Amino acid sequence: MPYINIRITKEGVTPQQKAQLIQGATQLLVDVLGKNPQTTVVVIDEVETDNWGIGGETVTERRKRGA
């Protein structure tokens, strides 16, 4: 049973976009690895930008300065 974990920053992703991510990630495993889509699990974790860091600073701070 394949397990895919997608982590994105929590910034207004719509339910439709999440459904597309789930469908696309599932199809990728079918196409590349021949996995059964009925047993492929996809989980999307949305992380607050204050809890996501790049280069020693939060995404919130990077976005404030336009980086």
N, C-alpha and C. Protein backbone atom coordinates (compact mmCIF):
# COMPACT_ATOMS: atom_id res chain seq x y z
N MET A 1 0.84 -1.17 0.00
CA MET A 1 0.00 0.00 0.00
C MET A 1 0.89 1.24 0.00
N PRO A 2 1.01 1.91 -1.13
CA PRO A 2 1.81 3.14 -1.18
C PRO A 2 1.19 4.25 -0.33
N TYR A 3 2.06 5.05 0.27
CA TYR A 3 1.65 6.17 1.10
C TYR A 3 2.39 7.41 0.62
N ILE A 4 1.65 8.43 0.25
CA ILE A 4 2.22 9.69 -0.23
C ILE A 4 1.83 10.78 0.76
N ASN A 5 2.83 11.55 1.22
CA ASN A 5 2.56 12.65 2.13
C ASN A 5 2.99 13.94 1.44
N ILE A 6 2.03 14.82 1.22
CA ILE A 6 2.29 16.11 0.59
C ILE A 6 2.18 17.18 1.67
N ARG A 7 3.23 17.98 1.81
CA ARG A 7 3.21 19.07 2.78
C ARG A 7 3.29 20.39 2.03
N ILE A 8 2.34 21.25 2.34
CA ILE A 8 2.28 22.56 1.71
C ILE A 8 2.04 23.61 2.79
N THR A 9 2.38 24.85 2.48
CA THR A 9 2.05 25.91 3.42
C THR A 9 0.55 26.17 3.35
N LYS A 10 -0.01 26.54 4.49
CA LYS A 10 -1.45 26.77 4.61
C LYS A 10 -1.76 28.17 4.11
N GLU A 11 -2.16 28.24 2.85
CA GLU A 11 -2.39 29.56 2.25
C GLU A 11 -3.55 29.50 1.25
N GLY A 12 -4.67 29.04 1.71
CA GLY A 12 -5.88 29.11 0.90
C GLY A 12 -5.98 28.13 -0.25
N VAL A 13 -5.41 26.95 -0.10
CA VAL A 13 -5.56 25.93 -1.12
C VAL A 13 -7.01 25.45 -1.08
N THR A 14 -7.65 25.40 -2.23
CA THR A 14 -9.06 25.03 -2.29
C THR A 14 -9.24 23.52 -2.21
N PRO A 15 -10.43 23.08 -1.84
CA PRO A 15 -10.71 21.64 -1.87
C PRO A 15 -10.52 21.04 -3.27
N GLN A 16 -10.83 21.79 -4.29
CA GLN A 16 -10.64 21.32 -5.66
C GLN A 16 -9.16 21.12 -5.98
N GLN A 17 -8.32 22.03 -5.52
CA GLN A 17 -6.88 21.90 -5.74
C GLN A 17 -6.33 20.69 -4.99
N LYS A 18 -6.82 20.48 -3.78
CA LYS A 18 -6.38 19.31 -3.01
C LYS A 18 -6.80 18.03 -3.71
N ALA A 19 -8.01 18.00 -4.24
CA ALA A 19 -8.48 16.83 -4.97
C ALA A 19 -7.59 16.57 -6.19
N GLN A 20 -7.17 17.63 -6.86
CA GLN A 20 -6.27 17.48 -8.01
C GLN A 20 -4.92 16.92 -7.59
N LEU A 21 -4.40 17.40 -6.46
CA LEU A 21 -3.13 16.88 -5.94
C LEU A 21 -3.25 15.39 -5.63
N ILE A 22 -4.32 15.00 -4.97
CA ILE A 22 -4.53 13.60 -4.62
C ILE A 22 -4.64 12.74 -5.87
N GLN A 23 -5.44 13.19 -6.81
CA GLN A 23 -5.61 12.45 -8.05
C GLN A 23 -4.31 12.36 -8.84
N GLY A 24 -3.60 13.47 -8.95
CA GLY A 24 -2.36 13.50 -9.72
C GLY A 24 -1.25 12.66 -9.09
N ALA A 25 -1.11 12.74 -7.77
CA ALA A 25 -0.08 11.95 -7.10
C ALA A 25 -0.38 10.46 -7.21
N THR A 26 -1.64 10.11 -7.08
CA THR A 26 -2.04 8.70 -7.24
C THR A 26 -1.73 8.22 -8.65
N GLN A 27 -2.10 9.01 -9.64
CA GLN A 27 -1.86 8.63 -11.03
C GLN A 27 -0.37 8.50 -11.34
N LEU A 28 0.44 9.35 -10.73
CA LEU A 28 1.89 9.27 -10.93
C LEU A 28 2.43 7.91 -10.48
N LEU A 29 1.97 7.43 -9.32
CA LEU A 29 2.43 6.12 -8.85
C LEU A 29 1.92 4.99 -9.74
N VAL A 30 0.72 5.16 -10.27
CA VAL A 30 0.20 4.17 -11.22
C VAL A 30 1.06 4.15 -12.47
N ASP A 31 1.34 5.32 -13.03
CA ASP A 31 2.09 5.43 -14.30
C ASP A 31 3.54 5.00 -14.17
N VAL A 32 4.20 5.42 -13.11
CA VAL A 32 5.64 5.19 -12.98
C VAL A 32 5.96 3.84 -12.34
N LEU A 33 5.20 3.48 -11.32
CA LEU A 33 5.53 2.27 -10.56
C LEU A 33 4.52 1.14 -10.71
N GLY A 34 3.45 1.40 -11.44
CA GLY A 34 2.45 0.37 -11.64
C GLY A 34 1.64 0.03 -10.38
N LYS A 35 1.53 0.99 -9.48
CA LYS A 35 0.82 0.75 -8.23
C LYS A 35 -0.69 0.76 -8.43
N ASN A 36 -1.39 0.07 -7.54
CA ASN A 36 -2.84 0.00 -7.59
C ASN A 36 -3.41 1.29 -6.99
N PRO A 37 -4.18 2.05 -7.75
CA PRO A 37 -4.73 3.29 -7.20
C PRO A 37 -5.70 3.07 -6.05
N GLN A 38 -6.31 1.90 -5.98
CA GLN A 38 -7.28 1.60 -4.92
C GLN A 38 -6.62 1.42 -3.56
N THR A 39 -5.31 1.17 -3.55
CA THR A 39 -4.61 0.99 -2.28
C THR A 39 -3.59 2.09 -2.02
N THR A 40 -3.59 3.13 -2.84
CA THR A 40 -2.66 4.24 -2.68
C THR A 40 -3.28 5.29 -1.76
N VAL A 41 -2.56 5.62 -0.70
CA VAL A 41 -3.03 6.59 0.28
C VAL A 41 -2.28 7.90 0.07
N VAL A 42 -3.01 9.02 0.03
CA VAL A 42 -2.41 10.34 -0.09
C VAL A 42 -2.91 11.19 1.07
N VAL A 43 -1.97 11.81 1.78
CA VAL A 43 -2.30 12.70 2.90
C VAL A 43 -1.69 14.07 2.59
N ILE A 44 -2.49 15.10 2.74
CA ILE A 44 -2.00 16.48 2.56
C ILE A 44 -1.95 17.14 3.93
N ASP A 45 -0.76 17.58 4.32
CA ASP A 45 -0.57 18.34 5.55
C ASP A 45 -0.38 19.80 5.18
N GLU A 46 -1.18 20.66 5.79
CA GLU A 46 -1.02 22.09 5.58
C GLU A 46 -0.32 22.68 6.80
N VAL A 47 0.78 23.36 6.58
CA VAL A 47 1.62 23.89 7.65
C VAL A 47 1.55 25.41 7.64
N GLU A 48 1.30 25.98 8.79
CA GLU A 48 1.31 27.45 8.91
C GLU A 48 2.68 27.98 8.50
N THR A 49 2.70 29.13 7.84
CA THR A 49 3.97 29.69 7.36
C THR A 49 4.92 30.05 8.50
N ASP A 50 4.39 30.27 9.71
CA ASP A 50 5.25 30.50 10.87
C ASP A 50 5.97 29.23 11.30
N ASN A 51 5.48 28.08 10.85
CA ASN A 51 6.06 26.79 11.24
C ASN A 51 6.87 26.15 10.11
N TRP A 52 7.17 26.91 9.08
CA TRP A 52 7.92 26.40 7.93
C TRP A 52 9.11 27.34 7.73
N GLY A 53 10.31 26.81 7.81
CA GLY A 53 11.49 27.65 7.70
C GLY A 53 12.34 27.30 6.51
N ILE A 54 12.95 28.33 5.93
CA ILE A 54 13.89 28.18 4.82
C ILE A 54 15.05 29.13 5.08
N GLY A 55 16.26 28.61 5.00
CA GLY A 55 17.43 29.47 5.16
C GLY A 55 17.50 30.17 6.50
N GLY A 56 16.98 29.54 7.55
CA GLY A 56 17.09 30.11 8.88
C GLY A 56 16.00 31.10 9.25
N GLU A 57 14.97 31.24 8.43
CA GLU A 57 13.88 32.14 8.77
C GLU A 57 12.55 31.53 8.34
N THR A 58 11.48 32.02 8.95
CA THR A 58 10.17 31.47 8.61
C THR A 58 9.72 31.96 7.24
N VAL A 59 8.84 31.19 6.65
CA VAL A 59 8.26 31.60 5.36
C VAL A 59 7.50 32.91 5.53
N THR A 60 6.86 33.08 6.68
CA THR A 60 6.13 34.34 6.95
C THR A 60 7.07 35.53 6.79
N GLU A 61 8.25 35.47 7.41
CA GLU A 61 9.21 36.56 7.33
C GLU A 61 9.75 36.74 5.91
N ARG A 62 10.02 35.65 5.24
CA ARG A 62 10.52 35.73 3.85
C ARG A 62 9.48 36.42 2.96
N ARG A 63 8.22 36.09 3.15
CA ARG A 63 7.16 36.67 2.32
C ARG A 63 7.00 38.16 2.61
N LYS A 64 7.19 38.56 3.88
CA LYS A 64 7.07 39.97 4.24
C LYS A 64 8.11 40.83 3.49
N ARG A 65 9.30 40.26 3.29
CA ARG A 65 10.34 41.04 2.62
C ARG A 65 10.43 40.73 1.13
N GLY A 66 9.48 39.93 0.64
CA GLY A 66 9.40 39.69 -0.79
C GLY A 66 10.34 38.64 -1.33
N ALA A 67 10.86 37.76 -0.47
CA ALA A 67 11.79 36.74 -0.92
C ALA A 67 11.09 35.51 -1.41
